[in-house]
Amino acid sequence: MNIKPLADRVVIKMLEAEETTKSGIVLPGTAKEKPQIAEVVAAGPGTDEVKMEVKVGDKVLISKYAGTEVKIDGEQYTIVKQGDILAIVE
């Protein structure tokens, strides 16, 4: 199933950030904060007022509690407005 976002919405997939303490202990997923870096999977066409700045494949930094989480075909995605994207990570 394909997701085609409308207007200035962007479909992203969160990237798992493996966290290791200074002493080398790997923290389990439940002990970590929600990751804020994601990869753009699909982007809408934009609107007359909002030009799309991101494209598929970009790695982006998003607001901590932004978006709506959806599960499609067993994969977890988040749909956010482009305004919730803080920066493109290069």
PDB file of N, CA and C in Angstrom:
ATOM      1  N   MET A   1       0.844  -1.178   0.000  1.00  0.00           N
ATOM      2  CA  MET A   1       0.000   0.000   0.000  1.00  0.00           C
ATOM      3  C   MET A   1       0.890   1.242   0.000  1.00  0.00           C
ATOM      4  N   ASN A   2       0.570   2.198  -0.845  1.00  0.00           N
ATOM      5  CA  ASN A   2       1.320   3.448  -0.903  1.00  0.00           C
ATOM      6  C   ASN A   2       0.587   4.536  -0.129  1.00  0.00           C
ATOM      7  N   ILE A   3       1.344   5.434   0.462  1.00  0.00           N
ATOM      8  CA  ILE A   3       0.783   6.573   1.172  1.00  0.00           C
ATOM      9  C   ILE A   3       1.088   7.813   0.342  1.00  0.00           C
ATOM     10  N   LYS A   4       0.057   8.586   0.016  1.00  0.00           N
ATOM     11  CA  LYS A   4       0.249   9.827  -0.738  1.00  0.00           C
ATOM     12  C   LYS A   4      -0.295  10.968   0.120  1.00  0.00           C
ATOM     13  N   PRO A   5       0.584  11.709   0.803  1.00  0.00           N
ATOM     14  CA  PRO A   5       0.121  12.778   1.676  1.00  0.00           C
ATOM     15  C   PRO A   5      -0.463  13.951   0.885  1.00  0.00           C
ATOM     16  N   LEU A   6      -1.392  14.648   1.489  1.00  0.00           N
ATOM     17  CA  LEU A   6      -2.042  15.789   0.859  1.00  0.00           C
ATOM     18  C   LEU A   6      -1.451  17.091   1.378  1.00  0.00           C
ATOM     19  N   ALA A   7      -1.600  18.148   0.578  1.00  0.00           N
ATOM     20  CA  ALA A   7      -1.192  19.512   0.931  1.00  0.00           C
ATOM     21  C   ALA A   7       0.265  19.555   1.395  1.00  0.00           C
ATOM     22  N   ASP A   8       0.510  20.107   2.590  1.00  0.00           N
ATOM     23  CA  ASP A   8       1.886  20.268   3.073  1.00  0.00           C
ATOM     24  C   ASP A   8       2.255  19.213   4.111  1.00  0.00           C
ATOM     25  N   ARG A   9       1.669  18.035   3.986  1.00  0.00           N
ATOM     26  CA  ARG A   9       1.982  16.956   4.932  1.00  0.00           C
ATOM     27  C   ARG A   9       3.114  16.081   4.395  1.00  0.00           C
ATOM     28  N   VAL A  10       3.827  15.467   5.323  1.00  0.00           N
ATOM     29  CA  VAL A  10       4.990  14.645   4.998  1.00  0.00           C
ATOM     30  C   VAL A  10       4.885  13.339   5.775  1.00  0.00           C
ATOM     31  N   VAL A  11       5.143  12.222   5.108  1.00  0.00           N
ATOM     32  CA  VAL A  11       5.168  10.914   5.765  1.00  0.00           C
ATOM     33  C   VAL A  11       6.630  10.602   6.082  1.00  0.00           C
ATOM     34  N   ILE A  12       6.906  10.310   7.342  1.00  0.00           N
ATOM     35  CA  ILE A  12       8.277  10.031   7.760  1.00  0.00           C
ATOM     36  C   ILE A  12       8.339   8.691   8.482  1.00  0.00           C
ATOM     37  N   LYS A  13       9.530   8.128   8.492  1.00  0.00           N
ATOM     38  CA  LYS A  13       9.789   6.897   9.251  1.00  0.00           C
ATOM     39  C   LYS A  13      10.898   7.227  10.240  1.00  0.00           C
ATOM     40  N   MET A  14      10.607   7.028  11.503  1.00  0.00           N
ATOM     41  CA  MET A  14      11.570   7.373  12.541  1.00  0.00           C
ATOM     42  C   MET A  14      12.793   6.461  12.446  1.00  0.00           C
ATOM     43  N   LEU A  15      13.964   7.033  12.624  1.00  0.00           N
ATOM     44  CA  LEU A  15      15.207   6.261  12.623  1.00  0.00           C
ATOM     45  C   LEU A  15      15.538   5.887  14.053  1.00  0.00           C
ATOM     46  N   GLU A  16      15.879   4.636  14.256  1.00  0.00           N
ATOM     47  CA  GLU A  16      16.227   4.164  15.596  1.00  0.00           C
ATOM     48  C   GLU A  16      17.640   4.627  15.931  1.00  0.00           C
ATOM     49  N   ALA A  17      17.749   5.326  17.024  1.00  0.00           N
ATOM     50  CA  ALA A  17      19.047   5.786  17.486  1.00  0.00           C
ATOM     51  C   ALA A  17      19.514   4.848  18.590  1.00  0.00           C
ATOM     52  N   GLU A  18      20.539   4.079  18.309  1.00  0.00           N
ATOM     53  CA  GLU A  18      21.050   3.172  19.332  1.00  0.00           C
ATOM     54  C   GLU A  18      21.830   3.997  20.336  1.00  0.00           C
ATOM     55  N   GLU A  19      21.443   3.880  21.573  1.00  0.00           N
ATOM     56  CA  GLU A  19      22.098   4.652  22.620  1.00  0.00           C
ATOM     57  C   GLU A  19      22.956   3.740  23.479  1.00  0.00           C
ATOM     58  N   THR A  20      24.182   4.176  23.671  1.00  0.00           N
ATOM     59  CA  THR A  20      25.114   3.449  24.514  1.00  0.00           C
ATOM     60  C   THR A  20      25.655   4.431  25.541  1.00  0.00           C
ATOM     61  N   THR A  21      25.699   4.021  26.793  1.00  0.00           N
ATOM     62  CA  THR A  21      26.252   4.888  27.830  1.00  0.00           C
ATOM     63  C   THR A  21      27.763   4.969  27.674  1.00  0.00           C
ATOM     64  N   LYS A  22      28.378   5.883  28.414  1.00  0.00           N
ATOM     65  CA  LYS A  22      29.833   6.042  28.353  1.00  0.00           C
ATOM     66  C   LYS A  22      30.561   4.772  28.764  1.00  0.00           C
ATOM     67  N   SER A  23      29.920   3.968  29.606  1.00  0.00           N
ATOM     68  CA  SER A  23      30.563   2.733  30.048  1.00  0.00           C
ATOM     69  C   SER A  23      30.313   1.567  29.095  1.00  0.00           C
ATOM     70  N   GLY A  24      29.551   1.814  27.991  1.00  0.00           N
ATOM     71  CA  GLY A  24      29.354   0.785  26.985  1.00  0.00           C
ATOM     72  C   GLY A  24      28.080  -0.027  27.114  1.00  0.00           C
ATOM     73  N   ILE A  25      27.185   0.383  28.000  1.00  0.00           N
ATOM     74  CA  ILE A  25      25.933  -0.340  28.183  1.00  0.00           C
ATOM     75  C   ILE A  25      24.928   0.162  27.147  1.00  0.00           C
ATOM     76  N   VAL A  26      24.336  -0.770  26.386  1.00  0.00           N
ATOM     77  CA  VAL A  26      23.326  -0.405  25.392  1.00  0.00           C
ATOM     78  C   VAL A  26      21.980  -0.313  26.087  1.00  0.00           C
ATOM     79  N   LEU A  27      21.312   0.843  25.932  1.00  0.00           N
ATOM     80  CA  LEU A  27      20.023   1.048  26.579  1.00  0.00           C
ATOM     81  C   LEU A  27      18.906   0.402  25.766  1.00  0.00           C
ATOM     82  N   PRO A  28      17.978  -0.290  26.410  1.00  0.00           N
ATOM     83  CA  PRO A  28      16.853  -0.869  25.684  1.00  0.00           C
ATOM     84  C   PRO A  28      15.899   0.214  25.205  1.00  0.00           C
ATOM     85  N   GLY A  29      15.030  -0.135  24.257  1.00  0.00           N
ATOM     86  CA  GLY A  29      14.099   0.820  23.671  1.00  0.00           C
ATOM     87  C   GLY A  29      13.212   1.520  24.681  1.00  0.00           C
ATOM     88  N   THR A  30      12.846   0.845  25.755  1.00  0.00           N
ATOM     89  CA  THR A  30      11.959   1.451  26.744  1.00  0.00           C
ATOM     90  C   THR A  30      12.661   2.511  27.582  1.00  0.00           C
ATOM     91  N   ALA A  31      13.965   2.491  27.628  1.00  0.00           N
ATOM     92  CA  ALA A  31      14.705   3.456  28.439  1.00  0.00           C
ATOM     93  C   ALA A  31      15.105   4.690  27.641  1.00  0.00           C
ATOM     94  N   LYS A  32      14.903   4.653  26.333  1.00  0.00           N
ATOM     95  CA  LYS A  32      15.302   5.771  25.482  1.00  0.00           C
ATOM     96  C   LYS A  32      14.140   6.715  25.244  1.00  0.00           C
ATOM     97  N   GLU A  33      14.486   7.974  24.939  1.00  0.00           N
ATOM     98  CA  GLU A  33      13.472   8.931  24.542  1.00  0.00           C
ATOM     99  C   GLU A  33      13.072   8.665  23.091  1.00  0.00           C
ATOM    100  N   LYS A  34      11.925   9.178  22.697  1.00  0.00           N
ATOM    101  CA  LYS A  34      11.465   9.037  21.324  1.00  0.00           C
ATOM    102  C   LYS A  34      12.477   9.715  20.399  1.00  0.00           C
ATOM    103  N   PRO A  35      12.914   9.045  19.335  1.00  0.00           N
ATOM    104  CA  PRO A  35      13.892   9.660  18.438  1.00  0.00           C
ATOM    105  C   PRO A  35      13.274  10.848  17.714  1.00  0.00           C
ATOM    106  N   GLN A  36      14.099  11.819  17.372  1.00  0.00           N
ATOM    107  CA  GLN A  36      13.618  13.013  16.703  1.00  0.00           C
ATOM    108  C   GLN A  36      14.146  13.116  15.278  1.00  0.00           C
ATOM    109  N   ILE A  37      14.947  12.157  14.842  1.00  0.00           N
ATOM    110  CA  ILE A  37      15.460  12.171  13.480  1.00  0.00           C
ATOM    111  C   ILE A  37      14.720  11.110  12.692  1.00  0.00           C
ATOM    112  N   ALA A  38      14.255  11.503  11.497  1.00  0.00           N
ATOM    113  CA  ALA A  38      13.461  10.598  10.677  1.00  0.00           C
ATOM    114  C   ALA A  38      13.853  10.758   9.216  1.00  0.00           C
ATOM    115  N   GLU A  39      13.413   9.793   8.411  1.00  0.00           N
ATOM    116  CA  GLU A  39      13.640   9.853   6.972  1.00  0.00           C
ATOM    117  C   GLU A  39      12.299  10.098   6.284  1.00  0.00           C
ATOM    118  N   VAL A  40      12.310  11.006   5.287  1.00  0.00           N
ATOM    119  CA  VAL A  40      11.098  11.324   4.548  1.00  0.00           C
ATOM    120  C   VAL A  40      10.791  10.177   3.587  1.00  0.00           C
ATOM    121  N   VAL A  41       9.582   9.618   3.695  1.00  0.00           N
ATOM    122  CA  VAL A  41       9.135   8.518   2.849  1.00  0.00           C
ATOM    123  C   VAL A  41       8.290   9.054   1.696  1.00  0.00           C
ATOM    124  N   ALA A  42       7.475  10.084   1.962  1.00  0.00           N
ATOM    125  CA  ALA A  42       6.632  10.703   0.938  1.00  0.00           C
ATOM    126  C   ALA A  42       6.341  12.133   1.355  1.00  0.00           C
ATOM    127  N   ALA A  43       6.159  13.008   0.375  1.00  0.00           N
ATOM    128  CA  ALA A  43       5.864  14.409   0.645  1.00  0.00           C
ATOM    129  C   ALA A  43       4.718  14.855  -0.245  1.00  0.00           C
ATOM    130  N   GLY A  44       3.832  15.672   0.313  1.00  0.00           N
ATOM    131  CA  GLY A  44       2.704  16.193  -0.446  1.00  0.00           C
ATOM    132  C   GLY A  44       3.154  17.239  -1.452  1.00  0.00           C
ATOM    133  N   PRO A  45       2.232  17.726  -2.272  1.00  0.00           N
ATOM    134  CA  PRO A  45       2.574  18.692  -3.315  1.00  0.00           C
ATOM    135  C   PRO A  45       2.765  20.113  -2.810  1.00  0.00           C
ATOM    136  N   GLY A  46       2.378  20.386  -1.573  1.00  0.00           N
ATOM    137  CA  GLY A  46       2.444  21.741  -1.055  1.00  0.00           C
ATOM    138  C   GLY A  46       1.141  22.470  -1.341  1.00  0.00           C
ATOM    139  N   THR A  47       1.093  23.740  -0.986  1.00  0.00           N
ATOM    140  CA  THR A  47      -0.087  24.569  -1.244  1.00  0.00           C
ATOM    141  C   THR A  47       0.380  25.868  -1.871  1.00  0.00           C
ATOM    142  N   ASP A  48      -0.578  26.746  -2.183  1.00  0.00           N
ATOM    143  CA  ASP A  48      -0.207  28.052  -2.742  1.00  0.00           C
ATOM    144  C   ASP A  48       0.620  28.853  -1.742  1.00  0.00           C
ATOM    145  N   GLU A  49       0.336  28.678  -0.448  1.00  0.00           N
ATOM    146  CA  GLU A  49       1.041  29.431   0.597  1.00  0.00           C
ATOM    147  C   GLU A  49       2.318  28.738   1.065  1.00  0.00           C
ATOM    148  N   VAL A  50       2.375  27.408   0.944  1.00  0.00           N
ATOM    149  CA  VAL A  50       3.501  26.642   1.493  1.00  0.00           C
ATOM    150  C   VAL A  50       4.206  25.878   0.370  1.00  0.00           C
ATOM    151  N   LYS A  51       5.461  26.243   0.111  1.00  0.00           N
ATOM    152  CA  LYS A  51       6.291  25.527  -0.865  1.00  0.00           C
ATOM    153  C   LYS A  51       6.997  24.393  -0.121  1.00  0.00           C
ATOM    154  N   MET A  52       6.993  23.212  -0.705  1.00  0.00           N
ATOM    155  CA  MET A  52       7.628  22.071  -0.047  1.00  0.00           C
ATOM    156  C   MET A  52       9.152  22.208  -0.104  1.00  0.00           C
ATOM    157  N   GLU A  53       9.778  22.113   1.061  1.00  0.00           N
ATOM    158  CA  GLU A  53      11.226  22.244   1.187  1.00  0.00           C
ATOM    159  C   GLU A  53      11.922  20.894   1.321  1.00  0.00           C
ATOM    160  N   VAL A  54      11.154  19.845   1.635  1.00  0.00           N
ATOM    161  CA  VAL A  54      11.740  18.521   1.828  1.00  0.00           C
ATOM    162  C   VAL A  54      11.350  17.610   0.673  1.00  0.00           C
ATOM    163  N   LYS A  55      12.171  16.582   0.462  1.00  0.00           N
ATOM    164  CA  LYS A  55      11.890  15.607  -0.595  1.00  0.00           C
ATOM    165  C   LYS A  55      12.133  14.206  -0.047  1.00  0.00           C
ATOM    166  N   VAL A  56      11.661  13.219  -0.757  1.00  0.00           N
ATOM    167  CA  VAL A  56      11.821  11.825  -0.345  1.00  0.00           C
ATOM    168  C   VAL A  56      13.302  11.508  -0.191  1.00  0.00           C
ATOM    169  N   GLY A  57      13.646  10.865   0.910  1.00  0.00           N
ATOM    170  CA  GLY A  57      15.029  10.484   1.179  1.00  0.00           C
ATOM    171  C   GLY A  57      15.759  11.426   2.121  1.00  0.00           C
ATOM    172  N   ASP A  58      15.224  12.640   2.317  1.00  0.00           N
ATOM    173  CA  ASP A  58      15.859  13.584   3.248  1.00  0.00           C
ATOM    174  C   ASP A  58      15.769  13.049   4.668  1.00  0.00           C
ATOM    175  N   LYS A  59      16.793  13.305   5.456  1.00  0.00           N
ATOM    176  CA  LYS A  59      16.764  13.012   6.887  1.00  0.00           C
ATOM    177  C   LYS A  59      16.422  14.338   7.564  1.00  0.00           C
ATOM    178  N   VAL A  60      15.417  14.298   8.435  1.00  0.00           N
ATOM    179  CA  VAL A  60      14.918  15.527   9.039  1.00  0.00           C
ATOM    180  C   VAL A  60      14.853  15.416  10.556  1.00  0.00           C
ATOM    181  N   LEU A  61      14.885  16.561  11.200  1.00  0.00           N
ATOM    182  CA  LEU A  61      14.745  16.680  12.646  1.00  0.00           C
ATOM    183  C   LEU A  61      13.352  17.234  12.900  1.00  0.00           C
ATOM    184  N   ILE A  62      12.547  16.543  13.696  1.00  0.00           N
ATOM    185  CA  ILE A  62      11.170  16.978  13.909  1.00  0.00           C
ATOM    186  C   ILE A  62      10.940  17.373  15.360  1.00  0.00           C
ATOM    187  N   SER A  63       9.837  18.092  15.576  1.00  0.00           N
ATOM    188  CA  SER A  63       9.422  18.448  16.933  1.00  0.00           C
ATOM    189  C   SER A  63       9.144  17.178  17.725  1.00  0.00           C
ATOM    190  N   LYS A  64       9.389  17.214  19.001  1.00  0.00           N
ATOM    191  CA  LYS A  64       9.327  16.019  19.841  1.00  0.00           C
ATOM    192  C   LYS A  64       7.973  15.314  19.829  1.00  0.00           C
ATOM    193  N   TYR A  65       6.886  16.048  19.923  1.00  0.00           N
ATOM    194  CA  TYR A  65       5.567  15.420  20.012  1.00  0.00           C
ATOM    195  C   TYR A  65       4.721  15.680  18.776  1.00  0.00           C
ATOM    196  N   ALA A  66       5.345  15.883  17.640  1.00  0.00           N
ATOM    197  CA  ALA A  66       4.636  16.223  16.405  1.00  0.00           C
ATOM    198  C   ALA A  66       4.087  14.990  15.714  1.00  0.00           C
ATOM    199  N   GLY A  67       3.017  15.189  14.966  1.00  0.00           N
ATOM    200  CA  GLY A  67       2.539  14.184  14.037  1.00  0.00           C
ATOM    201  C   GLY A  67       1.555  13.176  14.577  1.00  0.00           C
ATOM    202  N   THR A  68       1.077  12.373  13.638  1.00  0.00           N
ATOM    203  CA  THR A  68       0.141  11.302  13.914  1.00  0.00           C
ATOM    204  C   THR A  68       0.783   9.994  13.499  1.00  0.00           C
ATOM    205  N   GLU A  69       0.869   9.054  14.423  1.00  0.00           N
ATOM    206  CA  GLU A  69       1.493   7.766  14.117  1.00  0.00           C
ATOM    207  C   GLU A  69       0.472   6.834  13.490  1.00  0.00           C
ATOM    208  N   VAL A  70       0.888   6.167  12.409  1.00  0.00           N
ATOM    209  CA  VAL A  70       0.036   5.196  11.727  1.00  0.00           C
ATOM    210  C   VAL A  70       0.846   3.935  11.461  1.00  0.00           C
ATOM    211  N   LYS A  71       0.144   2.794  11.399  1.00  0.00           N
ATOM    212  CA  LYS A  71       0.809   1.529  11.109  1.00  0.00           C
ATOM    213  C   LYS A  71       0.195   0.975   9.831  1.00  0.00           C
ATOM    214  N   ILE A  72       1.019   0.798   8.806  1.00  0.00           N
ATOM    215  CA  ILE A  72       0.554   0.296   7.516  1.00  0.00           C
ATOM    216  C   ILE A  72       1.456  -0.850   7.095  1.00  0.00           C
ATOM    217  N   ASP A  73       0.844  -1.975   6.767  1.00  0.00           N
ATOM    218  CA  ASP A  73       1.567  -3.179   6.351  1.00  0.00           C
ATOM    219  C   ASP A  73       2.659  -3.564   7.345  1.00  0.00           C
ATOM    220  N   GLY A  74       2.397  -3.379   8.638  1.00  0.00           N
ATOM    221  CA  GLY A  74       3.340  -3.760   9.677  1.00  0.00           C
ATOM    222  C   GLY A  74       4.452  -2.758   9.926  1.00  0.00           C
ATOM    223  N   GLU A  75       4.483  -1.667   9.180  1.00  0.00           N
ATOM    224  CA  GLU A  75       5.506  -0.629   9.354  1.00  0.00           C
ATOM    225  C   GLU A  75       4.905   0.574  10.072  1.00  0.00           C
ATOM    226  N   GLN A  76       5.684   1.188  10.961  1.00  0.00           N
ATOM    227  CA  GLN A  76       5.237   2.349  11.719  1.00  0.00           C
ATOM    228  C   GLN A  76       5.695   3.623  11.007  1.00  0.00           C
ATOM    229  N   TYR A  77       4.759   4.521  10.694  1.00  0.00           N
ATOM    230  CA  TYR A  77       5.048   5.797  10.049  1.00  0.00           C
ATOM    231  C   TYR A  77       4.451   6.916  10.884  1.00  0.00           C
ATOM    232  N   THR A  78       4.935   8.132  10.646  1.00  0.00           N
ATOM    233  CA  THR A  78       4.374   9.310  11.283  1.00  0.00           C
ATOM    234  C   THR A  78       4.057  10.314  10.182  1.00  0.00           C
ATOM    235  N   ILE A  79       2.879  10.919  10.261  1.00  0.00           N
ATOM    236  CA  ILE A  79       2.498  11.950   9.294  1.00  0.00           C
ATOM    237  C   ILE A  79       2.548  13.285  10.015  1.00  0.00           C
ATOM    238  N   VAL A  80       3.358  14.211   9.487  1.00  0.00           N
ATOM    239  CA  VAL A  80       3.528  15.533  10.093  1.00  0.00           C
ATOM    240  C   VAL A  80       3.284  16.609   9.052  1.00  0.00           C
ATOM    241  N   LYS A  81       2.988  17.806   9.518  1.00  0.00           N
ATOM    242  CA  LYS A  81       2.942  18.955   8.623  1.00  0.00           C
ATOM    243  C   LYS A  81       4.379  19.426   8.436  1.00  0.00           C
ATOM    244  N   GLN A  82       4.646  20.026   7.284  1.00  0.00           N
ATOM    245  CA  GLN A  82       6.010  20.488   7.033  1.00  0.00           C
ATOM    246  C   GLN A  82       6.464  21.483   8.108  1.00  0.00           C
ATOM    247  N   GLY A  83       5.540  22.229   8.691  1.00  0.00           N
ATOM    248  CA  GLY A  83       5.878  23.194   9.750  1.00  0.00           C
ATOM    249  C   GLY A  83       6.423  22.532  11.013  1.00  0.00           C
ATOM    250  N   ASP A  84       6.149  21.238  11.215  1.00  0.00           N
ATOM    251  CA  ASP A  84       6.668  20.519  12.379  1.00  0.00           C
ATOM    252  C   ASP A  84       8.088  20.022  12.165  1.00  0.00           C
ATOM    253  N   ILE A  85       8.587  20.159  10.941  1.00  0.00           N
ATOM    254  CA  ILE A  85       9.972  19.751  10.646  1.00  0.00           C
ATOM    255  C   ILE A  85      10.866  20.948  10.961  1.00  0.00           C
ATOM    256  N   LEU A  86      11.832  20.720  11.837  1.00  0.00           N
ATOM    257  CA  LEU A  86      12.697  21.802  12.299  1.00  0.00           C
ATOM    258  C   LEU A  86      13.888  22.043  11.388  1.00  0.00           C
ATOM    259  N   ALA A  87      14.438  20.955  10.810  1.00  0.00           N
ATOM    260  CA  ALA A  87      15.644  21.100   9.996  1.00  0.00           C
ATOM    261  C   ALA A  87      15.871  19.854   9.148  1.00  0.00           C
ATOM    262  N   ILE A  88      16.639  20.021   8.097  1.00  0.00           N
ATOM    263  CA  ILE A  88      17.101  18.894   7.293  1.00  0.00           C
ATOM    264  C   ILE A  88      18.497  18.555   7.792  1.00  0.00           C
ATOM    265  N   VAL A  89      18.737  17.285   8.096  1.00  0.00           N
ATOM    266  CA  VAL A  89      20.034  16.837   8.605  1.00  0.00           C
ATOM    267  C   VAL A  89      20.894  16.404   7.421  1.00  0.00           C
ATOM    268  N   GLU A  90      22.056  17.017   7.288  1.00  0.00           N
ATOM    269  CA  GLU A  90      22.955  16.669   6.169  1.00  0.00           C
ATOM    270  C   GLU A  90      24.151  15.898   6.637  1.00  0.00           C
TER     271      GLU A  90
END
